[in-house]
Amino acid sequence: MATPSVKTTYSLDVKTLRALDGMAKRWKVSRSEALRRIILSAASAPPPPEEDPIAILNRLQKSLALTEAEAEEWGERVRDERRAFPRKRTGK
């Protein structure tokens, strides 16, 4: 008994299409079969763990490679800008 299938259309960029073609060729299957395998594999993989927002912020701050003095100077500039342009209250 044949497996029912649904024809559909997707737009892929050239890099993705080349990767799909490479996988299909390596596995000796059609593009459609390669795409089915990839999708089913991704769907059965466990979701990535949720990351702590503070850890994300710490990583971002570390990537800026600011010295303590530079970070303090940046903070002062931000505070000065906020004081210069106070937010309007919305009445909530």
N, C-alpha and C. Protein backbone atom coordinates (compact mmCIF):
# COMPACT_ATOMS: atom_id res chain seq x y z
N MET A 1 0.84 -1.18 0.00
CA MET A 1 0.00 0.00 0.00
C MET A 1 0.88 1.24 0.00
N ALA A 2 0.62 2.15 -0.88
CA ALA A 2 1.43 3.36 -1.02
C ALA A 2 1.17 4.32 0.14
N THR A 3 2.21 5.01 0.53
CA THR A 3 2.10 6.02 1.57
C THR A 3 1.54 7.29 0.95
N PRO A 4 0.45 7.84 1.50
CA PRO A 4 -0.10 9.06 0.93
C PRO A 4 0.89 10.22 1.10
N SER A 5 0.96 11.06 0.09
CA SER A 5 1.83 12.22 0.19
C SER A 5 1.09 13.45 -0.32
N VAL A 6 1.57 14.60 0.09
CA VAL A 6 0.98 15.87 -0.28
C VAL A 6 2.06 16.69 -0.98
N LYS A 7 1.76 17.18 -2.15
CA LYS A 7 2.71 18.04 -2.86
C LYS A 7 2.61 19.45 -2.29
N THR A 8 3.77 20.04 -2.09
CA THR A 8 3.82 21.39 -1.56
C THR A 8 5.04 22.09 -2.14
N THR A 9 5.09 23.39 -2.00
CA THR A 9 6.19 24.17 -2.54
C THR A 9 6.83 24.99 -1.43
N TYR A 10 8.17 24.99 -1.41
CA TYR A 10 8.93 25.81 -0.46
C TYR A 10 9.99 26.55 -1.22
N SER A 11 10.39 27.69 -0.73
CA SER A 11 11.49 28.45 -1.32
C SER A 11 12.71 28.27 -0.43
N LEU A 12 13.80 27.85 -1.03
CA LEU A 12 15.04 27.66 -0.31
C LEU A 12 16.12 28.52 -0.93
N ASP A 13 17.00 29.06 -0.11
CA ASP A 13 18.13 29.81 -0.65
C ASP A 13 19.12 28.81 -1.26
N VAL A 14 20.03 29.32 -2.07
CA VAL A 14 20.95 28.46 -2.81
C VAL A 14 21.80 27.61 -1.87
N LYS A 15 22.28 28.19 -0.79
CA LYS A 15 23.13 27.45 0.15
C LYS A 15 22.38 26.26 0.75
N THR A 16 21.13 26.48 1.15
CA THR A 16 20.32 25.41 1.74
C THR A 16 20.01 24.33 0.70
N LEU A 17 19.69 24.75 -0.51
CA LEU A 17 19.39 23.78 -1.56
C LEU A 17 20.62 22.93 -1.88
N ARG A 18 21.77 23.54 -1.92
CA ARG A 18 23.00 22.76 -2.16
C ARG A 18 23.25 21.77 -1.04
N ALA A 19 23.00 22.19 0.19
CA ALA A 19 23.18 21.28 1.32
C ALA A 19 22.19 20.12 1.22
N LEU A 20 20.95 20.41 0.86
CA LEU A 20 19.93 19.36 0.70
C LEU A 20 20.34 18.40 -0.42
N ASP A 21 20.80 18.95 -1.54
CA ASP A 21 21.24 18.11 -2.65
C ASP A 21 22.41 17.22 -2.24
N GLY A 22 23.34 17.79 -1.48
CA GLY A 22 24.49 17.01 -1.02
C GLY A 22 24.07 15.86 -0.13
N MET A 23 23.13 16.11 0.77
CA MET A 23 22.65 15.05 1.66
C MET A 23 21.90 13.98 0.87
N ALA A 24 21.06 14.40 -0.07
CA ALA A 24 20.31 13.44 -0.88
C ALA A 24 21.27 12.56 -1.68
N LYS A 25 22.30 13.17 -2.22
CA LYS A 25 23.28 12.41 -3.00
C LYS A 25 24.04 11.43 -2.10
N ARG A 26 24.46 11.90 -0.93
CA ARG A 26 25.19 11.05 0.02
C ARG A 26 24.36 9.85 0.45
N TRP A 27 23.06 10.10 0.68
CA TRP A 27 22.17 9.03 1.14
C TRP A 27 21.58 8.23 -0.02
N LYS A 28 21.85 8.70 -1.25
CA LYS A 28 21.32 8.05 -2.46
C LYS A 28 19.79 7.98 -2.45
N VAL A 29 19.20 9.14 -2.15
CA VAL A 29 17.74 9.26 -2.13
C VAL A 29 17.35 10.56 -2.84
N SER A 30 16.07 10.74 -3.06
CA SER A 30 15.58 11.97 -3.68
C SER A 30 15.66 13.14 -2.70
N ARG A 31 15.53 14.35 -3.23
CA ARG A 31 15.47 15.53 -2.36
C ARG A 31 14.32 15.41 -1.37
N SER A 32 13.18 14.94 -1.86
CA SER A 32 12.00 14.83 -0.99
C SER A 32 12.28 13.88 0.17
N GLU A 33 12.90 12.74 -0.13
CA GLU A 33 13.19 11.77 0.94
C GLU A 33 14.21 12.34 1.91
N ALA A 34 15.22 13.03 1.40
CA ALA A 34 16.21 13.64 2.29
C ALA A 34 15.54 14.67 3.19
N LEU A 35 14.67 15.48 2.62
CA LEU A 35 13.97 16.49 3.41
C LEU A 35 13.08 15.83 4.47
N ARG A 36 12.38 14.76 4.11
CA ARG A 36 11.55 14.03 5.09
C ARG A 36 12.41 13.54 6.25
N ARG A 37 13.56 12.93 5.93
CA ARG A 37 14.44 12.41 6.99
C ARG A 37 14.93 13.52 7.90
N ILE A 38 15.32 14.63 7.30
CA ILE A 38 15.84 15.75 8.08
C ILE A 38 14.76 16.30 9.01
N ILE A 39 13.56 16.49 8.47
CA ILE A 39 12.46 17.04 9.27
C ILE A 39 12.09 16.09 10.40
N LEU A 40 11.96 14.81 10.11
CA LEU A 40 11.59 13.85 11.16
C LEU A 40 12.68 13.74 12.22
N SER A 41 13.93 13.83 11.81
CA SER A 41 15.03 13.79 12.78
C SER A 41 14.98 15.02 13.69
N ALA A 42 14.79 16.18 13.09
CA ALA A 42 14.72 17.42 13.89
C ALA A 42 13.51 17.41 14.81
N ALA A 43 12.39 16.88 14.33
CA ALA A 43 11.16 16.86 15.14
C ALA A 43 11.29 15.93 16.34
N SER A 44 12.10 14.88 16.22
CA SER A 44 12.24 13.94 17.33
C SER A 44 13.35 14.32 18.29
N ALA A 45 14.15 15.32 17.95
CA ALA A 45 15.24 15.76 18.83
C ALA A 45 14.65 16.52 20.02
N PRO A 46 15.28 16.39 21.17
CA PRO A 46 14.77 17.14 22.33
C PRO A 46 14.98 18.64 22.11
N PRO A 47 14.07 19.45 22.64
CA PRO A 47 14.22 20.90 22.48
C PRO A 47 15.47 21.38 23.23
N PRO A 48 16.08 22.46 22.76
CA PRO A 48 17.24 22.98 23.48
C PRO A 48 16.82 23.47 24.87
N PRO A 49 17.69 23.36 25.83
CA PRO A 49 17.32 23.80 27.18
C PRO A 49 17.11 25.31 27.19
N GLU A 50 16.15 25.73 28.01
CA GLU A 50 15.92 27.17 28.15
C GLU A 50 17.09 27.75 28.92
N GLU A 51 17.57 28.88 28.43
CA GLU A 51 18.73 29.48 29.06
C GLU A 51 18.30 30.61 29.98
N ASP A 52 18.99 30.72 31.07
CA ASP A 52 18.73 31.76 32.06
C ASP A 52 19.02 33.13 31.44
N PRO A 53 18.06 34.05 31.49
CA PRO A 53 18.28 35.39 30.90
C PRO A 53 19.50 36.10 31.49
N ILE A 54 19.78 35.89 32.76
CA ILE A 54 20.95 36.53 33.37
C ILE A 54 22.23 35.97 32.77
N ALA A 55 22.26 34.67 32.50
CA ALA A 55 23.43 34.05 31.87
C ALA A 55 23.64 34.62 30.47
N ILE A 56 22.55 34.84 29.74
CA ILE A 56 22.64 35.43 28.41
C ILE A 56 23.21 36.84 28.50
N LEU A 57 22.69 37.62 29.44
CA LEU A 57 23.17 39.00 29.63
C LEU A 57 24.65 39.00 30.01
N ASN A 58 25.04 38.12 30.91
CA ASN A 58 26.45 38.05 31.32
C ASN A 58 27.35 37.72 30.13
N ARG A 59 26.91 36.80 29.29
CA ARG A 59 27.70 36.42 28.11
C ARG A 59 27.81 37.61 27.14
N LEU A 60 26.70 38.32 26.95
CA LEU A 60 26.71 39.50 26.08
C LEU A 60 27.67 40.55 26.62
N GLN A 61 27.57 40.83 27.91
CA GLN A 61 28.43 41.85 28.51
C GLN A 61 29.90 41.45 28.40
N LYS A 62 30.18 40.18 28.61
CA LYS A 62 31.56 39.71 28.52
C LYS A 62 32.09 39.84 27.10
N SER A 63 31.22 39.62 26.10
CA SER A 63 31.64 39.71 24.70
C SER A 63 32.04 41.13 24.31
N LEU A 64 31.54 42.13 25.04
CA LEU A 64 31.87 43.52 24.75
C LEU A 64 33.28 43.88 25.20
N ALA A 65 33.83 43.09 26.11
CA ALA A 65 35.19 43.27 26.62
C ALA A 65 35.44 44.68 27.14
N LEU A 66 34.47 45.23 27.86
CA LEU A 66 34.63 46.56 28.44
C LEU A 66 35.39 46.46 29.76
N THR A 67 36.22 47.43 30.00
CA THR A 67 36.84 47.51 31.31
C THR A 67 35.79 48.03 32.29
N GLU A 68 36.06 47.92 33.56
CA GLU A 68 35.11 48.41 34.55
C GLU A 68 34.88 49.91 34.38
N ALA A 69 35.95 50.64 34.06
CA ALA A 69 35.84 52.09 33.87
C ALA A 69 34.99 52.41 32.64
N GLU A 70 35.18 51.66 31.55
CA GLU A 70 34.38 51.88 30.34
C GLU A 70 32.91 51.58 30.60
N ALA A 71 32.65 50.51 31.33
CA ALA A 71 31.27 50.15 31.65
C ALA A 71 30.61 51.23 32.51
N GLU A 72 31.34 51.75 33.48
CA GLU A 72 30.81 52.81 34.35
C GLU A 72 30.54 54.07 33.53
N GLU A 73 31.45 54.40 32.62
CA GLU A 73 31.27 55.59 31.77
C GLU A 73 30.03 55.42 30.89
N TRP A 74 29.85 54.23 30.33
CA TRP A 74 28.67 53.96 29.52
C TRP A 74 27.40 54.12 30.36
N GLY A 75 27.41 53.58 31.58
CA GLY A 75 26.26 53.70 32.46
C GLY A 75 25.92 55.14 32.77
N GLU A 76 26.94 55.94 33.00
CA GLU A 76 26.71 57.37 33.27
C GLU A 76 26.09 58.07 32.07
N ARG A 77 26.58 57.76 30.87
CA ARG A 77 26.02 58.38 29.65
C ARG A 77 24.54 58.01 29.49
N VAL A 78 24.23 56.75 29.75
CA VAL A 78 22.84 56.30 29.61
C VAL A 78 21.96 57.02 30.63
N ARG A 79 22.43 57.11 31.89
CA ARG A 79 21.65 57.81 32.91
C ARG A 79 21.43 59.28 32.54
N ASP A 80 22.49 59.92 32.01
CA ASP A 80 22.36 61.32 31.60
C ASP A 80 21.33 61.47 30.47
N GLU A 81 21.35 60.55 29.50
CA GLU A 81 20.39 60.60 28.40
C GLU A 81 18.96 60.41 28.91
N ARG A 82 18.79 59.51 29.85
CA ARG A 82 17.45 59.26 30.40
C ARG A 82 16.94 60.47 31.16
N ARG A 83 17.81 61.13 31.88
CA ARG A 83 17.40 62.33 32.61
C ARG A 83 17.06 63.47 31.65
N ALA A 84 17.77 63.55 30.53
CA ALA A 84 17.54 64.61 29.55
C ALA A 84 16.22 64.43 28.82
N PHE A 85 15.78 63.20 28.66
CA PHE A 85 14.55 62.90 27.93
C PHE A 85 13.65 61.99 28.76
N PRO A 86 13.02 62.55 29.81
CA PRO A 86 12.18 61.71 30.67
C PRO A 86 10.98 61.15 29.91
N ARG A 87 10.61 59.95 30.26
CA ARG A 87 9.45 59.31 29.63
C ARG A 87 8.16 59.95 30.12
N LYS A 88 7.19 60.00 29.25
CA LYS A 88 5.87 60.52 29.64
C LYS A 88 5.11 59.39 30.29
N ARG A 89 4.41 59.69 31.33
CA ARG A 89 3.56 58.70 32.01
C ARG A 89 2.33 58.42 31.16
N THR A 90 1.93 57.17 31.07
CA THR A 90 0.76 56.82 30.25
C THR A 90 -0.51 56.73 31.10
N GLY A 91 -0.39 56.89 32.38
CA GLY A 91 -1.56 56.87 33.24
C GLY A 91 -2.02 55.47 33.64
N LYS A 92 -1.21 54.50 33.39
CA LYS A 92 -1.58 53.12 33.75
C LYS A 92 -1.34 52.84 35.19
